[in-house]
Amino acid sequence: MSDLLNLAMLIGASLASMAFGIFAAYYILRLGFALMRPQPQPAVKPKASPEMAGIS
């Protein structure tokens, strides 16, 4: 009976470690892609000059 319990614990531990590895890789990749995402640049307003406005 002890052998079956040890086998069940071994199977459970191996499944848990695989799940942890999958979730860790998923969140590491999400973080990497979020850091590589282009950041929005603030809009730069052009400075008005008399030539552009047509005022002389």
PDB file of N, CA and C in Angstrom:
ATOM      1  N   MET A   1       0.816  -1.191   0.000  1.00  0.00           N
ATOM      2  CA  MET A   1       0.000   0.000   0.000  1.00  0.00           C
ATOM      3  C   MET A   1       0.863   1.260   0.000  1.00  0.00           C
ATOM      4  N   SER A   2       1.988   1.181   0.681  1.00  0.00           N
ATOM      5  CA  SER A   2       2.894   2.320   0.743  1.00  0.00           C
ATOM      6  C   SER A   2       3.482   2.628  -0.636  1.00  0.00           C
ATOM      7  N   ASP A   3       3.699   1.576  -1.428  1.00  0.00           N
ATOM      8  CA  ASP A   3       4.258   1.780  -2.763  1.00  0.00           C
ATOM      9  C   ASP A   3       3.273   2.542  -3.653  1.00  0.00           C
ATOM     10  N   LEU A   4       1.983   2.257  -3.541  1.00  0.00           N
ATOM     11  CA  LEU A   4       0.993   2.969  -4.345  1.00  0.00           C
ATOM     12  C   LEU A   4       0.897   4.432  -3.929  1.00  0.00           C
ATOM     13  N   LEU A   5       1.012   4.678  -2.640  1.00  0.00           N
ATOM     14  CA  LEU A   5       0.981   6.056  -2.160  1.00  0.00           C
ATOM     15  C   LEU A   5       2.206   6.828  -2.650  1.00  0.00           C
ATOM     16  N   ASN A   6       3.363   6.180  -2.600  1.00  0.00           N
ATOM     17  CA  ASN A   6       4.577   6.818  -3.109  1.00  0.00           C
ATOM     18  C   ASN A   6       4.472   7.083  -4.607  1.00  0.00           C
ATOM     19  N   LEU A   7       3.883   6.153  -5.364  1.00  0.00           N
ATOM     20  CA  LEU A   7       3.705   6.336  -6.801  1.00  0.00           C
ATOM     21  C   LEU A   7       2.752   7.502  -7.077  1.00  0.00           C
ATOM     22  N   ALA A   8       1.669   7.584  -6.325  1.00  0.00           N
ATOM     23  CA  ALA A   8       0.718   8.684  -6.514  1.00  0.00           C
ATOM     24  C   ALA A   8       1.373  10.029  -6.180  1.00  0.00           C
ATOM     25  N   MET A   9       2.171  10.056  -5.123  1.00  0.00           N
ATOM     26  CA  MET A   9       2.865  11.297  -4.769  1.00  0.00           C
ATOM     27  C   MET A   9       3.874  11.685  -5.843  1.00  0.00           C
ATOM     28  N   LEU A  10       4.568  10.698  -6.390  1.00  0.00           N
ATOM     29  CA  LEU A  10       5.543  10.967  -7.447  1.00  0.00           C
ATOM     30  C   LEU A  10       4.858  11.504  -8.697  1.00  0.00           C
ATOM     31  N   ILE A  11       3.744  10.911  -9.079  1.00  0.00           N
ATOM     32  CA  ILE A  11       3.006  11.371 -10.263  1.00  0.00           C
ATOM     33  C   ILE A  11       2.455  12.778 -10.022  1.00  0.00           C
ATOM     34  N   GLY A  12       1.900  13.011  -8.853  1.00  0.00           N
ATOM     35  CA  GLY A  12       1.375  14.344  -8.538  1.00  0.00           C
ATOM     36  C   GLY A  12       2.461  15.403  -8.530  1.00  0.00           C
ATOM     37  N   ALA A  13       3.615  15.071  -7.978  1.00  0.00           N
ATOM     38  CA  ALA A  13       4.720  16.032  -7.932  1.00  0.00           C
ATOM     39  C   ALA A  13       5.253  16.324  -9.333  1.00  0.00           C
ATOM     40  N   SER A  14       5.314  15.306 -10.182  1.00  0.00           N
ATOM     41  CA  SER A  14       5.816  15.536 -11.539  1.00  0.00           C
ATOM     42  C   SER A  14       4.834  16.384 -12.346  1.00  0.00           C
ATOM     43  N   LEU A  15       3.543  16.152 -12.180  1.00  0.00           N
ATOM     44  CA  LEU A  15       2.552  16.971 -12.884  1.00  0.00           C
ATOM     45  C   LEU A  15       2.572  18.416 -12.380  1.00  0.00           C
ATOM     46  N   ALA A  16       2.723  18.579 -11.078  1.00  0.00           N
ATOM     47  CA  ALA A  16       2.773  19.927 -10.518  1.00  0.00           C
ATOM     48  C   ALA A  16       4.013  20.676 -10.994  1.00  0.00           C
ATOM     49  N   SER A  17       5.136  19.998 -11.087  1.00  0.00           N
ATOM     50  CA  SER A  17       6.349  20.674 -11.540  1.00  0.00           C
ATOM     51  C   SER A  17       6.254  21.041 -13.018  1.00  0.00           C
ATOM     52  N   MET A  18       5.626  20.188 -13.823  1.00  0.00           N
ATOM     53  CA  MET A  18       5.425  20.536 -15.238  1.00  0.00           C
ATOM     54  C   MET A  18       4.484  21.728 -15.369  1.00  0.00           C
ATOM     55  N   ALA A  19       3.420  21.756 -14.582  1.00  0.00           N
ATOM     56  CA  ALA A  19       2.479  22.877 -14.633  1.00  0.00           C
ATOM     57  C   ALA A  19       3.168  24.166 -14.200  1.00  0.00           C
ATOM     58  N   PHE A  20       3.987  24.099 -13.166  1.00  0.00           N
ATOM     59  CA  PHE A  20       4.713  25.283 -12.722  1.00  0.00           C
ATOM     60  C   PHE A  20       5.642  25.790 -13.821  1.00  0.00           C
ATOM     61  N   GLY A  21       6.336  24.889 -14.490  1.00  0.00           N
ATOM     62  CA  GLY A  21       7.243  25.282 -15.573  1.00  0.00           C
ATOM     63  C   GLY A  21       6.502  25.923 -16.732  1.00  0.00           C
ATOM     64  N   ILE A  22       5.344  25.379 -17.074  1.00  0.00           N
ATOM     65  CA  ILE A  22       4.562  25.935 -18.177  1.00  0.00           C
ATOM     66  C   ILE A  22       4.072  27.334 -17.821  1.00  0.00           C
ATOM     67  N   PHE A  23       3.531  27.508 -16.607  1.00  0.00           N
ATOM     68  CA  PHE A  23       3.039  28.824 -16.203  1.00  0.00           C
ATOM     69  C   PHE A  23       4.181  29.823 -16.075  1.00  0.00           C
ATOM     70  N   ALA A  24       5.321  29.395 -15.576  1.00  0.00           N
ATOM     71  CA  ALA A  24       6.464  30.301 -15.448  1.00  0.00           C
ATOM     72  C   ALA A  24       6.934  30.759 -16.829  1.00  0.00           C
ATOM     73  N   ALA A  25       7.026  29.833 -17.782  1.00  0.00           N
ATOM     74  CA  ALA A  25       7.448  30.201 -19.135  1.00  0.00           C
ATOM     75  C   ALA A  25       6.433  31.139 -19.780  1.00  0.00           C
ATOM     76  N   TYR A  26       5.158  30.901 -19.553  1.00  0.00           N
ATOM     77  CA  TYR A  26       4.111  31.745 -20.125  1.00  0.00           C
ATOM     78  C   TYR A  26       4.244  33.184 -19.630  1.00  0.00           C
ATOM     79  N   TYR A  27       4.410  33.355 -18.319  1.00  0.00           N
ATOM     80  CA  TYR A  27       4.486  34.707 -17.782  1.00  0.00           C
ATOM     81  C   TYR A  27       5.812  35.383 -18.114  1.00  0.00           C
ATOM     82  N   ILE A  28       6.883  34.615 -18.252  1.00  0.00           N
ATOM     83  CA  ILE A  28       8.152  35.204 -18.684  1.00  0.00           C
ATOM     84  C   ILE A  28       8.030  35.715 -20.111  1.00  0.00           C
ATOM     85  N   LEU A  29       7.388  34.941 -20.979  1.00  0.00           N
ATOM     86  CA  LEU A  29       7.202  35.384 -22.364  1.00  0.00           C
ATOM     87  C   LEU A  29       6.264  36.586 -22.433  1.00  0.00           C
ATOM     88  N   ARG A  30       5.204  36.596 -21.625  1.00  0.00           N
ATOM     89  CA  ARG A  30       4.300  37.756 -21.609  1.00  0.00           C
ATOM     90  C   ARG A  30       5.047  39.017 -21.201  1.00  0.00           C
ATOM     91  N   LEU A  31       5.894  38.906 -20.203  1.00  0.00           N
ATOM     92  CA  LEU A  31       6.674  40.050 -19.755  1.00  0.00           C
ATOM     93  C   LEU A  31       7.631  40.513 -20.855  1.00  0.00           C
ATOM     94  N   GLY A  32       8.291  39.561 -21.515  1.00  0.00           N
ATOM     95  CA  GLY A  32       9.219  39.917 -22.587  1.00  0.00           C
ATOM     96  C   GLY A  32       8.526  40.624 -23.735  1.00  0.00           C
ATOM     97  N   PHE A  33       7.364  40.112 -24.153  1.00  0.00           N
ATOM     98  CA  PHE A  33       6.649  40.750 -25.255  1.00  0.00           C
ATOM     99  C   PHE A  33       6.081  42.098 -24.839  1.00  0.00           C
ATOM    100  N   ALA A  34       5.687  42.250 -23.582  1.00  0.00           N
ATOM    101  CA  ALA A  34       5.201  43.546 -23.117  1.00  0.00           C
ATOM    102  C   ALA A  34       6.331  44.571 -23.118  1.00  0.00           C
ATOM    103  N   LEU A  35       7.539  44.150 -22.785  1.00  0.00           N
ATOM    104  CA  LEU A  35       8.670  45.069 -22.807  1.00  0.00           C
ATOM    105  C   LEU A  35       9.091  45.421 -24.227  1.00  0.00           C
ATOM    106  N   MET A  36       8.875  44.527 -25.186  1.00  0.00           N
ATOM    107  CA  MET A  36       9.240  44.800 -26.578  1.00  0.00           C
ATOM    108  C   MET A  36       8.181  45.595 -27.326  1.00  0.00           C
ATOM    109  N   ARG A  37       6.979  45.718 -26.756  1.00  0.00           N
ATOM    110  CA  ARG A  37       5.901  46.444 -27.424  1.00  0.00           C
ATOM    111  C   ARG A  37       6.292  47.898 -27.584  1.00  0.00           C
ATOM    112  N   PRO A  38       6.083  48.464 -28.779  1.00  0.00           N
ATOM    113  CA  PRO A  38       6.431  49.880 -28.959  1.00  0.00           C
ATOM    114  C   PRO A  38       5.573  50.771 -28.069  1.00  0.00           C
ATOM    115  N   GLN A  39       6.214  51.727 -27.436  1.00  0.00           N
ATOM    116  CA  GLN A  39       5.516  52.649 -26.559  1.00  0.00           C
ATOM    117  C   GLN A  39       4.969  53.815 -27.384  1.00  0.00           C
ATOM    118  N   PRO A  40       3.760  54.276 -27.079  1.00  0.00           N
ATOM    119  CA  PRO A  40       3.216  55.410 -27.836  1.00  0.00           C
ATOM    120  C   PRO A  40       4.010  56.681 -27.548  1.00  0.00           C
ATOM    121  N   GLN A  41       4.342  57.383 -28.610  1.00  0.00           N
ATOM    122  CA  GLN A  41       5.098  58.618 -28.488  1.00  0.00           C
ATOM    123  C   GLN A  41       4.133  59.793 -28.357  1.00  0.00           C
ATOM    124  N   PRO A  42       4.447  60.759 -27.528  1.00  0.00           N
ATOM    125  CA  PRO A  42       3.568  61.923 -27.417  1.00  0.00           C
ATOM    126  C   PRO A  42       3.585  62.723 -28.721  1.00  0.00           C
ATOM    127  N   ALA A  43       2.426  63.248 -29.077  1.00  0.00           N
ATOM    128  CA  ALA A  43       2.318  64.020 -30.307  1.00  0.00           C
ATOM    129  C   ALA A  43       3.057  65.346 -30.148  1.00  0.00           C
ATOM    130  N   VAL A  44       3.876  65.668 -31.139  1.00  0.00           N
ATOM    131  CA  VAL A  44       4.635  66.911 -31.116  1.00  0.00           C
ATOM    132  C   VAL A  44       3.917  67.896 -32.028  1.00  0.00           C
ATOM    133  N   LYS A  45       3.504  69.015 -31.447  1.00  0.00           N
ATOM    134  CA  LYS A  45       2.817  70.033 -32.246  1.00  0.00           C
ATOM    135  C   LYS A  45       3.858  70.883 -32.962  1.00  0.00           C
ATOM    136  N   PRO A  46       3.644  71.122 -34.254  1.00  0.00           N
ATOM    137  CA  PRO A  46       4.605  71.970 -34.973  1.00  0.00           C
ATOM    138  C   PRO A  46       4.482  73.419 -34.512  1.00  0.00           C
ATOM    139  N   LYS A  47       5.603  74.101 -34.484  1.00  0.00           N
ATOM    140  CA  LYS A  47       5.601  75.508 -34.089  1.00  0.00           C
ATOM    141  C   LYS A  47       5.105  76.339 -35.267  1.00  0.00           C
ATOM    142  N   ALA A  48       4.179  77.209 -34.996  1.00  0.00           N
ATOM    143  CA  ALA A  48       3.626  78.058 -36.047  1.00  0.00           C
ATOM    144  C   ALA A  48       4.600  79.187 -36.368  1.00  0.00           C
ATOM    145  N   SER A  49       4.807  79.388 -37.631  1.00  0.00           N
ATOM    146  CA  SER A  49       5.653  80.503 -38.070  1.00  0.00           C
ATOM    147  C   SER A  49       4.833  81.362 -39.033  1.00  0.00           C
ATOM    148  N   PRO A  50       5.237  82.591 -39.232  1.00  0.00           N
ATOM    149  CA  PRO A  50       4.479  83.455 -40.146  1.00  0.00           C
ATOM    150  C   PRO A  50       4.419  82.899 -41.565  1.00  0.00           C
ATOM    151  N   GLU A  51       5.443  82.191 -41.993  1.00  0.00           N
ATOM    152  CA  GLU A  51       5.432  81.623 -43.347  1.00  0.00           C
ATOM    153  C   GLU A  51       4.356  80.542 -43.461  1.00  0.00           C
ATOM    154  N   MET A  52       4.204  79.746 -42.411  1.00  0.00           N
ATOM    155  CA  MET A  52       3.208  78.666 -42.459  1.00  0.00           C
ATOM    156  C   MET A  52       1.800  79.225 -42.401  1.00  0.00           C
ATOM    157  N   ALA A  53       1.589  80.311 -41.673  1.00  0.00           N
ATOM    158  CA  ALA A  53       0.259  80.882 -41.535  1.00  0.00           C
ATOM    159  C   ALA A  53      -0.102  81.763 -42.718  1.00  0.00           C
ATOM    160  N   GLY A  54       0.856  82.148 -43.530  1.00  0.00           N
ATOM    161  CA  GLY A  54       0.592  83.026 -44.668  1.00  0.00           C
ATOM    162  C   GLY A  54       0.455  84.466 -44.259  1.00  0.00           C
ATOM    163  N   ILE A  55       0.987  84.817 -43.096  1.00  0.00           N
ATOM    164  CA  ILE A  55       0.920  86.192 -42.606  1.00  0.00           C
ATOM    165  C   ILE A  55       2.268  86.852 -42.851  1.00  0.00           C
ATOM    166  N   SER A  56       2.282  88.043 -43.442  1.00  0.00           N
ATOM    167  CA  SER A  56       3.517  88.764 -43.656  1.00  0.00           C
ATOM    168  C   SER A  56       3.468  90.117 -43.000  1.00  0.00           C
TER     169      SER A  56
END
